[in-house]
C-alpha atoms as a PDB file:
ATOM      1  CA  MET A   1    -125.309-117.334 -27.903  1.00  0.00           C
ATOM      2  CA  ALA A   2    -122.552-117.067 -25.298  1.00  0.00           C
ATOM      3  CA  ALA A   3    -123.716-116.874 -21.711  1.00  0.00           C
ATOM      4  CA  PRO A   4    -123.532-113.389 -20.167  1.00  0.00           C
ATOM      5  CA  PRO A   5    -121.040-112.920 -17.337  1.00  0.00           C
ATOM      6  CA  ALA A   6    -122.445-114.255 -14.082  1.00  0.00           C
ATOM      7  CA  GLU A   7    -122.187-111.120 -12.002  1.00  0.00           C
ATOM      8  CA  PRO A   8    -124.430-110.507  -8.996  1.00  0.00           C
ATOM      9  CA  ALA A   9    -127.224-107.962  -9.359  1.00  0.00           C
ATOM     10  CA  GLY A  10    -127.666-107.465  -5.655  1.00  0.00           C
ATOM     11  CA  ALA A  11    -124.612-105.432  -4.684  1.00  0.00           C
ATOM     12  CA  PRO A  12    -125.057-101.716  -3.995  1.00  0.00           C
ATOM     13  CA  PRO A  13    -123.912 -99.411  -6.815  1.00  0.00           C
ATOM     14  CA  PRO A  14    -120.142 -98.842  -6.448  1.00  0.00           C
ATOM     15  CA  ALA A  15    -118.283 -95.657  -7.303  1.00  0.00           C
ATOM     16  CA  GLY A  16    -115.851 -95.084 -10.147  1.00  0.00           C
ATOM     17  CA  THR A  17    -115.543 -97.216 -13.273  1.00  0.00           C
ATOM     18  CA  PRO A  18    -118.378 -99.686 -12.442  1.00  0.00           C
ATOM     19  CA  HIS A  19    -120.740 -96.734 -12.061  1.00  0.00           C
ATOM     20  CA  ARG A  20    -119.712 -95.283 -15.429  1.00  0.00           C
ATOM     21  CA  ARG A  21    -120.138 -98.690 -17.064  1.00  0.00           C
ATOM     22  CA  GLY A  22    -123.596 -98.937 -15.519  1.00  0.00           C
ATOM     23  CA  VAL A  23    -124.508 -95.523 -16.944  1.00  0.00           C
ATOM     24  CA  ALA A  24    -123.223 -96.566 -20.403  1.00  0.00           C
ATOM     25  CA  ALA A  25    -125.229 -99.811 -20.219  1.00  0.00           C
ATOM     26  CA  LEU A  26    -128.440 -97.998 -19.327  1.00  0.00           C
ATOM     27  CA  LEU A  27    -127.830 -95.460 -22.089  1.00  0.00           C
ATOM     28  CA  LEU A  28    -127.652 -98.313 -24.619  1.00  0.00           C
ATOM     29  CA  VAL A  29    -130.819 -99.804 -23.116  1.00  0.00           C
ATOM     30  CA  THR A  30    -132.557 -96.451 -23.569  1.00  0.00           C
ATOM     31  CA  VAL A  31    -131.463 -96.164 -27.217  1.00  0.00           C
ATOM     32  CA  VAL A  32    -132.848 -99.612 -28.024  1.00  0.00           C
ATOM     33  CA  TRP A  33    -136.058 -99.024 -26.069  1.00  0.00           C
ATOM     34  CA  GLY A  34    -136.569 -95.771 -27.961  1.00  0.00           C
ATOM     35  CA  THR A  35    -136.581 -97.698 -31.237  1.00  0.00           C
ATOM     36  CA  THR A  36    -139.364 -99.988 -29.995  1.00  0.00           C
ATOM     37  CA  PHE A  37    -142.080 -97.286 -29.901  1.00  0.00           C
ATOM     38  CA  PRO A  38    -142.520 -96.858 -33.679  1.00  0.00           C
ATOM     39  CA  ALA A  39    -141.890-100.574 -34.248  1.00  0.00           C
ATOM     40  CA  ILE A  40    -144.744-101.535 -31.915  1.00  0.00           C
ATOM     41  CA  LYS A  41    -146.936 -98.723 -33.229  1.00  0.00           C
ATOM     42  CA  ALA A  42    -146.671-100.243 -36.708  1.00  0.00           C
ATOM     43  CA  MET A  43    -147.871-103.617 -35.332  1.00  0.00           C
ATOM     44  CA  THR A  44    -150.911-102.377 -33.427  1.00  0.00           C
ATOM     45  CA  GLY A  45    -153.005-102.285 -36.600  1.00  0.00           C
ATOM     46  CA  ASP A  46    -152.768-106.085 -36.905  1.00  0.00           C
ATOM     47  CA  LEU A  47    -152.052-107.332 -33.363  1.00  0.00           C
ATOM     48  CA  GLN A  48    -153.554-106.743 -29.919  1.00  0.00           C
ATOM     49  CA  ALA A  49    -151.286-105.550 -27.073  1.00  0.00           C
ATOM     50  CA  VAL A  50    -151.309-108.934 -25.314  1.00  0.00           C
ATOM     51  CA  GLU A  51    -150.515-110.697 -28.591  1.00  0.00           C
ATOM     52  CA  ILE A  52    -147.465-108.493 -29.146  1.00  0.00           C
ATOM     53  CA  ILE A  53    -146.290-109.203 -25.587  1.00  0.00           C
ATOM     54  CA  ALA A  54    -146.743-112.978 -25.953  1.00  0.00           C
ATOM     55  CA  LEU A  55    -144.946-113.137 -29.317  1.00  0.00           C
ATOM     56  CA  ARG A  56    -142.153-110.810 -28.249  1.00  0.00           C
ATOM     57  CA  PHE A  57    -141.331-112.727 -25.084  1.00  0.00           C
ATOM     58  CA  ALA A  58    -141.668-116.105 -26.746  1.00  0.00           C
ATOM     59  CA  VAL A  59    -138.540-115.112 -28.680  1.00  0.00           C
ATOM     60  CA  ALA A  60    -136.873-113.824 -25.497  1.00  0.00           C
ATOM     61  CA  CYS A  61    -137.618-117.044 -23.607  1.00  0.00           C
ATOM     62  CA  ALA A  62    -136.019-119.135 -26.332  1.00  0.00           C
ATOM     63  CA  VAL A  63    -132.740-117.332 -25.586  1.00  0.00           C
ATOM     64  CA  LEU A  64    -132.978-116.925 -21.805  1.00  0.00           C
ATOM     65  CA  TRP A  65    -134.537-120.280 -20.860  1.00  0.00           C
ATOM     66  CA  PRO A  66    -131.199-121.970 -19.882  1.00  0.00           C
ATOM     67  CA  PHE A  67    -130.590-119.329 -17.183  1.00  0.00           C
ATOM     68  CA  LEU A  68    -133.603-120.533 -15.172  1.00  0.00           C
ATOM     69  CA  ARG A  69    -131.590-123.471 -13.858  1.00  0.00           C
ATOM     70  CA  GLY A  70    -130.419-123.169 -10.283  1.00  0.00           C
ATOM     71  CA  MET A  71    -132.625-120.226  -9.329  1.00  0.00           C
ATOM     72  CA  ARG A  72    -132.794-119.486  -5.596  1.00  0.00           C
ATOM     73  CA  GLY A  73    -135.700-118.316  -3.462  1.00  0.00           C
ATOM     74  CA  GLU A  74    -134.656-114.662  -3.458  1.00  0.00           C
ATOM     75  CA  GLU A  75    -134.350-114.632  -7.247  1.00  0.00           C
ATOM     76  CA  LEU A  76    -137.772-116.229  -7.630  1.00  0.00           C
ATOM     77  CA  ARG A  77    -139.407-113.781  -5.225  1.00  0.00           C
ATOM     78  CA  TRP A  78    -137.902-110.570  -6.587  1.00  0.00           C
ATOM     79  CA  GLY A  79    -137.963-111.702 -10.218  1.00  0.00           C
ATOM     80  CA  GLY A  80    -141.625-112.635  -9.844  1.00  0.00           C
ATOM     81  CA  TRP A  81    -142.591-109.199  -8.543  1.00  0.00           C
ATOM     82  CA  MET A  82    -140.584-107.436 -11.242  1.00  0.00           C
ATOM     83  CA  GLY A  83    -142.035-109.675 -13.949  1.00  0.00           C
ATOM     84  CA  LEU A  84    -145.579-108.867 -12.831  1.00  0.00           C
ATOM     85  CA  LEU A  85    -144.880-105.125 -12.773  1.00  0.00           C
ATOM     86  CA  MET A  86    -143.225-105.298 -16.189  1.00  0.00           C
ATOM     87  CA  PHE A  87    -146.196-107.157 -17.672  1.00  0.00           C
ATOM     88  CA  VAL A  88    -148.741-104.645 -16.374  1.00  0.00           C
ATOM     89  CA  ALA A  89    -146.572-101.692 -17.466  1.00  0.00           C
ATOM     90  CA  THR A  90    -145.966-103.118 -20.948  1.00  0.00           C
ATOM     91  CA  ALA A  91    -149.608-104.081 -21.487  1.00  0.00           C
ATOM     92  CA  LEU A  92    -150.764-100.585 -20.515  1.00  0.00           C
ATOM     93  CA  GLN A  93    -148.082 -98.945 -22.663  1.00  0.00           C
ATOM     94  CA  VAL A  94    -148.846-100.960 -25.804  1.00  0.00           C
ATOM     95  CA  SER A  95    -152.602-100.520 -25.302  1.00  0.00           C
ATOM     96  CA  GLY A  96    -152.047 -96.776 -25.027  1.00  0.00           C
ATOM     97  CA  LEU A  97    -149.774 -96.770 -28.067  1.00  0.00           C
ATOM     98  CA  ALA A  98    -152.593 -98.219 -30.179  1.00  0.00           C
ATOM     99  CA  LEU A  99    -154.698 -95.137 -29.332  1.00  0.00           C
ATOM    100  CA  THR A 100    -152.120 -92.348 -29.576  1.00  0.00           C
ATOM    101  CA  SER A 101    -148.985 -91.397 -31.511  1.00  0.00           C
ATOM    102  CA  SER A 102    -145.527 -92.894 -30.986  1.00  0.00           C
ATOM    103  CA  ASN A 103    -144.026 -89.561 -29.867  1.00  0.00           C
ATOM    104  CA  ARG A 104    -146.868 -88.848 -27.438  1.00  0.00           C
ATOM    105  CA  ASN A 105    -146.680 -92.336 -25.931  1.00  0.00           C
ATOM    106  CA  ALA A 106    -142.914 -92.015 -25.488  1.00  0.00           C
ATOM    107  CA  PHE A 107    -143.264 -88.646 -23.748  1.00  0.00           C
ATOM    108  CA  ILE A 108    -145.854 -89.813 -21.230  1.00  0.00           C
ATOM    109  CA  THR A 109    -143.876 -92.992 -20.522  1.00  0.00           C
ATOM    110  CA  GLY A 110    -140.863 -90.759 -19.870  1.00  0.00           C
ATOM    111  CA  LEU A 111    -142.718 -89.084 -17.001  1.00  0.00           C
ATOM    112  CA  ASN A 112    -141.331 -91.815 -14.742  1.00  0.00           C
ATOM    113  CA  VAL A 113    -138.290 -89.496 -14.559  1.00  0.00           C
ATOM    114  CA  VAL A 114    -140.458 -87.476 -12.167  1.00  0.00           C
ATOM    115  CA  LEU A 115    -142.361 -90.361 -10.615  1.00  0.00           C
ATOM    116  CA  VAL A 116    -139.286 -92.333  -9.544  1.00  0.00           C
ATOM    117  CA  PRO A 117    -137.742 -89.510  -7.447  1.00  0.00           C
ATOM    118  CA  ILE A 118    -141.137 -88.833  -5.856  1.00  0.00           C
ATOM    119  CA  MET A 119    -141.596 -92.508  -5.020  1.00  0.00           C
ATOM    120  CA  ALA A 120    -137.991 -92.747  -3.799  1.00  0.00           C
ATOM    121  CA  SER A 121    -138.470 -89.785  -1.470  1.00  0.00           C
ATOM    122  CA  THR A 122    -141.410 -91.585   0.192  1.00  0.00           C
ATOM    123  CA  LEU A 123    -138.974 -94.408   0.982  1.00  0.00           C
ATOM    124  CA  GLY A 124    -136.627 -92.004   2.741  1.00  0.00           C
ATOM    125  CA  GLN A 125    -134.079 -91.372  -0.002  1.00  0.00           C
ATOM    126  CA  ARG A 126    -132.454 -87.932  -0.051  1.00  0.00           C
ATOM    127  CA  LEU A 127    -132.054 -86.358  -3.462  1.00  0.00           C
ATOM    128  CA  GLY A 128    -129.041 -84.181  -4.325  1.00  0.00           C
ATOM    129  CA  TRP A 129    -129.267 -81.014  -6.409  1.00  0.00           C
ATOM    130  CA  PRO A 130    -127.839 -82.600  -9.610  1.00  0.00           C
ATOM    131  CA  VAL A 131    -130.608 -85.194  -9.653  1.00  0.00           C
ATOM    132  CA  LEU A 132    -133.318 -82.614  -8.914  1.00  0.00           C
ATOM    133  CA  ALA A 133    -131.955 -80.182 -11.518  1.00  0.00           C
ATOM    134  CA  GLY A 134    -131.617 -82.992 -14.064  1.00  0.00           C
ATOM    135  CA  ALA A 135    -135.203 -84.099 -13.414  1.00  0.00           C
ATOM    136  CA  ALA A 136    -136.491 -80.545 -13.838  1.00  0.00           C
ATOM    137  CA  LEU A 137    -134.611 -80.089 -17.129  1.00  0.00           C
ATOM    138  CA  SER A 138    -135.791 -83.479 -18.386  1.00  0.00           C
ATOM    139  CA  VAL A 139    -139.425 -82.659 -17.667  1.00  0.00           C
ATOM    140  CA  LEU A 140    -138.988 -79.259 -19.365  1.00  0.00           C
ATOM    141  CA  GLY A 141    -137.492 -80.944 -22.408  1.00  0.00           C
ATOM    142  CA  MET A 142    -140.194 -83.598 -22.594  1.00  0.00           C
ATOM    143  CA  SER A 143    -142.901 -80.947 -22.333  1.00  0.00           C
ATOM    144  CA  ALA A 144    -141.364 -79.234 -25.369  1.00  0.00           C
ATOM    145  CA  MET A 145    -141.428 -82.547 -27.245  1.00  0.00           C
ATOM    146  CA  PHE A 146    -145.129 -82.898 -26.400  1.00  0.00           C
ATOM    147  CA  TYR A 147    -145.971 -80.715 -29.345  1.00  0.00           C
ATOM    148  CA  GLU A 148    -149.229 -82.162 -30.601  1.00  0.00           C
ATOM    149  CA  ALA A 149    -152.470 -80.213 -30.165  1.00  0.00           C
ATOM    150  CA  THR A 150    -154.654 -83.344 -29.874  1.00  0.00           C
ATOM    151  CA  PRO A 151    -156.700 -83.383 -26.627  1.00  0.00           C
ATOM    152  CA  TRP A 152    -155.852 -85.829 -23.844  1.00  0.00           C
ATOM    153  CA  GLY A 153    -157.472 -89.213 -24.510  1.00  0.00           C
ATOM    154  CA  LEU A 154    -157.829 -92.771 -23.232  1.00  0.00           C
ATOM    155  CA  GLY A 155    -154.514 -93.785 -24.817  1.00  0.00           C
ATOM    156  CA  ASP A 156    -152.746 -91.066 -22.832  1.00  0.00           C
ATOM    157  CA  THR A 157    -154.399 -92.218 -19.584  1.00  0.00           C
ATOM    158  CA  LEU A 158    -153.333 -95.832 -20.174  1.00  0.00           C
ATOM    159  CA  THR A 159    -149.782 -94.677 -20.909  1.00  0.00           C
ATOM    160  CA  LEU A 160    -149.671 -92.565 -17.734  1.00  0.00           C
ATOM    161  CA  ALA A 161    -150.715 -95.605 -15.690  1.00  0.00           C
ATOM    162  CA  SER A 162    -147.912 -97.486 -17.444  1.00  0.00           C
ATOM    163  CA  ALA A 163    -145.415 -94.796 -16.363  1.00  0.00           C
ATOM    164  CA  PHE A 164    -146.393 -95.345 -12.720  1.00  0.00           C
ATOM    165  CA  CYS A 165    -145.828 -99.092 -13.111  1.00  0.00           C
ATOM    166  CA  TYR A 166    -142.433 -98.541 -14.776  1.00  0.00           C
ATOM    167  CA  GLY A 167    -141.455 -96.250 -11.912  1.00  0.00           C
ATOM    168  CA  ALA A 168    -142.436 -98.937  -9.413  1.00  0.00           C
ATOM    169  CA  TYR A 169    -140.426-101.462 -11.430  1.00  0.00           C
ATOM    170  CA  VAL A 170    -137.264 -99.328 -11.301  1.00  0.00           C
ATOM    171  CA  LEU A 171    -137.606 -98.854  -7.539  1.00  0.00           C
ATOM    172  CA  THR A 172    -138.369-102.540  -6.959  1.00  0.00           C
ATOM    173  CA  PHE A 173    -135.069-103.454  -8.566  1.00  0.00           C
ATOM    174  CA  GLU A 174    -133.206-101.083  -6.267  1.00  0.00           C
ATOM    175  CA  GLN A 175    -135.004-102.515  -3.227  1.00  0.00           C
ATOM    176  CA  CYS A 176    -133.996-105.982  -4.451  1.00  0.00           C
ATOM    177  CA  SER A 177    -130.371-104.866  -4.616  1.00  0.00           C
ATOM    178  CA  LYS A 178    -130.460-103.517  -1.078  1.00  0.00           C
ATOM    179  CA  ALA A 179    -132.312-106.470   0.420  1.00  0.00           C
ATOM    180  CA  THR A 180    -130.142-109.138  -1.161  1.00  0.00           C
ATOM    181  CA  ALA A 181    -126.958-107.216  -0.295  1.00  0.00           C
ATOM    182  CA  ARG A 182    -127.934-107.398   3.387  1.00  0.00           C
ATOM    183  CA  THR A 183    -128.508-111.162   3.243  1.00  0.00           C
ATOM    184  CA  GLY A 184    -125.564-111.907   0.940  1.00  0.00           C
ATOM    185  CA  GLN A 185    -127.854-113.769  -1.497  1.00  0.00           C
ATOM    186  CA  HIS A 186    -127.219-111.700  -4.608  1.00  0.00           C
ATOM    187  CA  CYS A 187    -129.600-112.062  -7.568  1.00  0.00           C
ATOM    188  CA  ARG A 188    -127.906-112.752 -10.878  1.00  0.00           C
ATOM    189  CA  PRO A 189    -129.155-110.416 -13.656  1.00  0.00           C
ATOM    190  CA  GLU A 190    -129.423-113.148 -16.294  1.00  0.00           C
ATOM    191  CA  ARG A 191    -131.662-115.212 -13.991  1.00  0.00           C
ATOM    192  CA  LEU A 192    -133.873-112.232 -13.196  1.00  0.00           C
ATOM    193  CA  ALA A 193    -134.164-111.477 -16.917  1.00  0.00           C
ATOM    194  CA  ALA A 194    -135.039-115.111 -17.707  1.00  0.00           C
ATOM    195  CA  LEU A 195    -137.732-115.320 -15.023  1.00  0.00           C
ATOM    196  CA  GLN A 196    -139.264-112.005 -16.055  1.00  0.00           C
ATOM    197  CA  SER A 197    -139.397-113.139 -19.692  1.00  0.00           C
ATOM    198  CA  VAL A 198    -141.074-116.430 -18.761  1.00  0.00           C
ATOM    199  CA  LEU A 199    -143.674-114.573 -16.699  1.00  0.00           C
ATOM    200  CA  MET A 200    -144.271-112.098 -19.521  1.00  0.00           C
ATOM    201  CA  LEU A 201    -144.802-114.988 -21.960  1.00  0.00           C
ATOM    202  CA  GLY A 202    -147.099-116.893 -19.595  1.00  0.00           C
ATOM    203  CA  LEU A 203    -149.203-113.881 -18.648  1.00  0.00           C
ATOM    204  CA  GLY A 204    -149.304-112.685 -22.253  1.00  0.00           C
ATOM    205  CA  ALA A 205    -150.415-116.099 -23.549  1.00  0.00           C
ATOM    206  CA  ALA A 206    -153.110-116.337 -20.860  1.00  0.00           C
ATOM    207  CA  ALA A 207    -154.333-112.843 -21.739  1.00  0.00           C
ATOM    208  CA  VAL A 208    -154.485-113.755 -25.443  1.00  0.00           C
ATOM    209  CA  CYS A 209    -156.773-116.685 -24.618  1.00  0.00           C
ATOM    210  CA  LEU A 210    -159.012-114.533 -22.404  1.00  0.00           C
ATOM    211  CA  HIS A 211    -158.961-111.287 -24.410  1.00  0.00           C
ATOM    212  CA  PRO A 212    -162.279-110.844 -26.261  1.00  0.00           C
ATOM    213  CA  ALA A 213    -160.662-109.076 -29.231  1.00  0.00           C
ATOM    214  CA  ALA A 214    -157.708-111.456 -29.620  1.00  0.00           C
ATOM    215  CA  ALA A 215    -157.894-114.222 -32.216  1.00  0.00           C
ATOM    216  CA  PRO A 216    -155.422-117.024 -31.367  1.00  0.00           C
ATOM    217  CA  ALA A 217    -156.469-119.058 -34.425  1.00  0.00           C
ATOM    218  CA  THR A 218    -155.166-116.401 -36.841  1.00  0.00           C
ATOM    219  CA  LEU A 219    -152.286-115.163 -34.692  1.00  0.00           C
ATOM    220  CA  ALA A 220    -149.525-116.864 -36.703  1.00  0.00           C
ATOM    221  CA  ALA A 221    -150.788-115.460 -39.999  1.00  0.00           C
ATOM    222  CA  ARG A 222    -151.137-111.921 -38.638  1.00  0.00           C
ATOM    223  CA  ALA A 223    -147.734-112.068 -36.959  1.00  0.00           C
ATOM    224  CA  ASP A 224    -146.004-113.268 -40.138  1.00  0.00           C
ATOM    225  CA  ALA A 225    -146.109-109.769 -41.636  1.00  0.00           C
ATOM    226  CA  HIS A 226    -144.161-108.479 -38.622  1.00  0.00           C
ATOM    227  CA  ALA A 227    -141.767-111.400 -38.190  1.00  0.00           C
ATOM    228  CA  TRP A 228    -138.492-109.428 -38.258  1.00  0.00           C
ATOM    229  CA  PRO A 229    -139.682-106.618 -35.943  1.00  0.00           C
ATOM    230  CA  LEU A 230    -140.895-109.286 -33.494  1.00  0.00           C
ATOM    231  CA  VAL A 231    -137.507-111.023 -33.612  1.00  0.00           C
ATOM    232  CA  TYR A 232    -135.822-107.676 -32.965  1.00  0.00           C
ATOM    233  CA  LEU A 233    -138.173-106.913 -30.061  1.00  0.00           C
ATOM    234  CA  GLY A 234    -137.744-110.362 -28.538  1.00  0.00           C
ATOM    235  CA  LEU A 235    -134.048-110.970 -29.097  1.00  0.00           C
ATOM    236  CA  VAL A 236    -132.538-107.490 -28.751  1.00  0.00           C
ATOM    237  CA  ALA A 237    -135.044-105.249 -26.966  1.00  0.00           C
ATOM    238  CA  SER A 238    -136.258-107.943 -24.551  1.00  0.00           C
ATOM    239  CA  ALA A 239    -133.712-110.719 -23.960  1.00  0.00           C
ATOM    240  CA  GLY A 240    -130.662-108.516 -24.406  1.00  0.00           C
ATOM    241  CA  MET A 241    -131.918-105.301 -22.857  1.00  0.00           C
ATOM    242  CA  VAL A 242    -133.702-106.849 -19.835  1.00  0.00           C
ATOM    243  CA  TRP A 243    -130.415-108.507 -18.892  1.00  0.00           C
ATOM    244  CA  LEU A 244    -128.381-105.369 -19.622  1.00  0.00           C
ATOM    245  CA  GLN A 245    -130.833-103.270 -17.603  1.00  0.00           C
ATOM    246  CA  ALA A 246    -130.468-105.629 -14.640  1.00  0.00           C
ATOM    247  CA  TRP A 247    -126.671-105.481 -14.972  1.00  0.00           C
ATOM    248  CA  GLY A 248    -126.606-101.701 -15.304  1.00  0.00           C
ATOM    249  CA  GLN A 249    -129.061-100.921 -12.521  1.00  0.00           C
ATOM    250  CA  ALA A 250    -126.942-102.891 -10.066  1.00  0.00           C
ATOM    251  CA  ARG A 251    -124.335-100.146 -10.571  1.00  0.00           C
ATOM    252  CA  VAL A 252    -126.561 -97.057 -10.776  1.00  0.00           C
ATOM    253  CA  ARG A 253    -129.101 -95.587  -8.341  1.00  0.00           C
ATOM    254  CA  ALA A 254    -132.765 -95.889  -9.320  1.00  0.00           C
ATOM    255  CA  VAL A 255    -133.152 -92.105  -9.579  1.00  0.00           C
ATOM    256  CA  GLU A 256    -130.148 -91.868 -11.916  1.00  0.00           C
ATOM    257  CA  ALA A 257    -131.514 -94.780 -13.964  1.00  0.00           C
ATOM    258  CA  ALA A 258    -134.859 -93.014 -14.366  1.00  0.00           C
ATOM    259  CA  LEU A 259    -133.079 -89.917 -15.664  1.00  0.00           C
ATOM    260  CA  MET A 260    -131.195 -92.022 -18.204  1.00  0.00           C
ATOM    261  CA  TYR A 261    -134.526 -93.475 -19.305  1.00  0.00           C
ATOM    262  CA  SER A 262    -135.780 -89.928 -19.907  1.00  0.00           C
ATOM    263  CA  LEU A 263    -133.810 -90.058 -23.170  1.00  0.00           C
ATOM    264  CA  GLU A 264    -136.367 -92.518 -24.547  1.00  0.00           C
ATOM    265  CA  PRO A 265    -138.564 -89.843 -26.202  1.00  0.00           C
ATOM    266  CA  VAL A 266    -135.509 -88.504 -28.029  1.00  0.00           C
ATOM    267  CA  PHE A 267    -134.617 -91.826 -29.612  1.00  0.00           C
ATOM    268  CA  ALA A 268    -138.284 -92.716 -30.127  1.00  0.00           C
ATOM    269  CA  ALA A 269    -138.866 -89.465 -32.026  1.00  0.00           C
ATOM    270  CA  LEU A 270    -135.788 -89.959 -34.206  1.00  0.00           C
ATOM    271  CA  THR A 271    -136.792 -93.535 -35.030  1.00  0.00           C
ATOM    272  CA  ALA A 272    -140.413 -92.538 -35.670  1.00  0.00           C
ATOM    273  CA  LEU A 273    -139.217 -89.885 -38.097  1.00  0.00           C
ATOM    274  CA  TYR A 274    -137.351 -92.481 -40.140  1.00  0.00           C
ATOM    275  CA  TYR A 275    -139.584 -95.546 -39.679  1.00  0.00           C
ATOM    276  CA  ILE A 276    -143.191 -94.253 -39.674  1.00  0.00           C
ATOM    277  CA  HIS A 277    -142.577 -90.652 -40.808  1.00  0.00           C
ATOM    278  CA  GLU A 278    -143.786 -88.890 -37.630  1.00  0.00           C
ATOM    279  CA  ARG A 279    -142.124 -85.491 -37.912  1.00  0.00           C
ATOM    280  CA  MET A 280    -140.718 -83.325 -35.120  1.00  0.00           C
ATOM    281  CA  SER A 281    -141.182 -79.575 -34.914  1.00  0.00           C
ATOM    282  CA  GLY A 282    -138.331 -77.199 -34.086  1.00  0.00           C
ATOM    283  CA  ARG A 283    -139.664 -76.992 -30.524  1.00  0.00           C
ATOM    284  CA  ALA A 284    -139.524 -80.778 -30.236  1.00  0.00           C
ATOM    285  CA  VAL A 285    -135.886 -80.805 -31.379  1.00  0.00           C
ATOM    286  CA  LEU A 286    -135.076 -78.156 -28.762  1.00  0.00           C
ATOM    287  CA  GLY A 287    -136.812 -80.291 -26.144  1.00  0.00           C
ATOM    288  CA  ALA A 288    -134.654 -83.275 -27.098  1.00  0.00           C
ATOM    289  CA  ALA A 289    -131.526 -81.167 -26.550  1.00  0.00           C
ATOM    290  CA  VAL A 290    -132.778 -80.054 -23.120  1.00  0.00           C
ATOM    291  CA  ILE A 291    -133.380 -83.698 -22.117  1.00  0.00           C
ATOM    292  CA  VAL A 292    -129.799 -84.582 -23.040  1.00  0.00           C
ATOM    293  CA  LEU A 293    -128.613 -81.625 -20.952  1.00  0.00           C
ATOM    294  CA  GLY A 294    -130.743 -82.808 -18.036  1.00  0.00           C
ATOM    295  CA  VAL A 295    -129.203 -86.277 -18.120  1.00  0.00           C
ATOM    296  CA  MET A 296    -125.698 -84.767 -18.203  1.00  0.00           C
ATOM    297  CA  VAL A 297    -126.495 -82.505 -15.224  1.00  0.00           C
ATOM    298  CA  SER A 298    -127.917 -85.440 -13.258  1.00  0.00           C
ATOM    299  CA  GLN A 299    -124.587 -87.247 -13.591  1.00  0.00           C
ATOM    300  CA  TRP A 300    -122.540 -84.222 -12.419  1.00  0.00           C
ATOM    301  CA  THR A 301    -121.349 -85.696  -9.141  1.00  0.00           C
ATOM    302  CA  GLY A 302    -118.115 -85.671  -7.164  1.00  0.00           C
ATOM    303  CA  ARG A 303    -117.047 -88.784  -9.051  1.00  0.00           C
ATOM    304  CA  MET A 304    -117.445 -87.053 -12.415  1.00  0.00           C
ATOM    305  CA  ARG A 305    -115.587 -83.927 -11.285  1.00  0.00           C
ATOM    306  CA  SER A 306    -112.668 -85.950  -9.955  1.00  0.00           C
ATOM    307  CA  ALA A 307    -112.560 -87.981 -13.169  1.00  0.00           C
END
């Protein structure tokens, strides 16, 4: 695999073409992430959440391991925090997914579109009307997609906790960009992705050994039935998308990134329809359209008008 371009992840998001490329990158990330919900849901019958994490990031580490060379202190510090947040968020999300439907899990995870602006406002960020209007439309659309009549359960609570952690992860990356821009020690996205993957593998493997329901002795046999989905999750959704997310978020504000991520339930629902036959109602389809509209409104800035 060719090495990704060594561009710094610490510079503040620029205007113009780099910003549009960042938006396009995060849109691709969201499409791929949306496909992971039904794929992981299909595995939860045979594998525990921590086992899925360990296997998935073992594949990612095999690809990203060379980028660990030459890491600096700032990359270790910020990458370590982001890796820890990602592990907690992923573990909570997969645990919740085992107890609820793919569409429901995707919707609740998508609530970070609201959580990120709220968290950002506590840090002193001012939010323009396009972002606020886009967030409102996205929440309205996701509420329409939340079409099931099943009462709120433990899986939903675990997924909501995961959404908070994902929101903190998005904001941590932006704080990393600002902090390293001030010091001139920019963090390279491929190194951040490599460190996060190593931490996810290490924490996942440790959790497998300590988890009372996990069975390391039979892990290889149980994973064999899901070999190709695990390769896809590790190679594309983890190694590729963690790097692409780091590259894209260096060019897009955290609040804008969260709104792009609000498209996840749309792609998750479409994939679930094809892969595990979870059907969408007419109201859910309308909600998907409103989410797309919300993302478009959120990007309606002076740069877009001039373009």
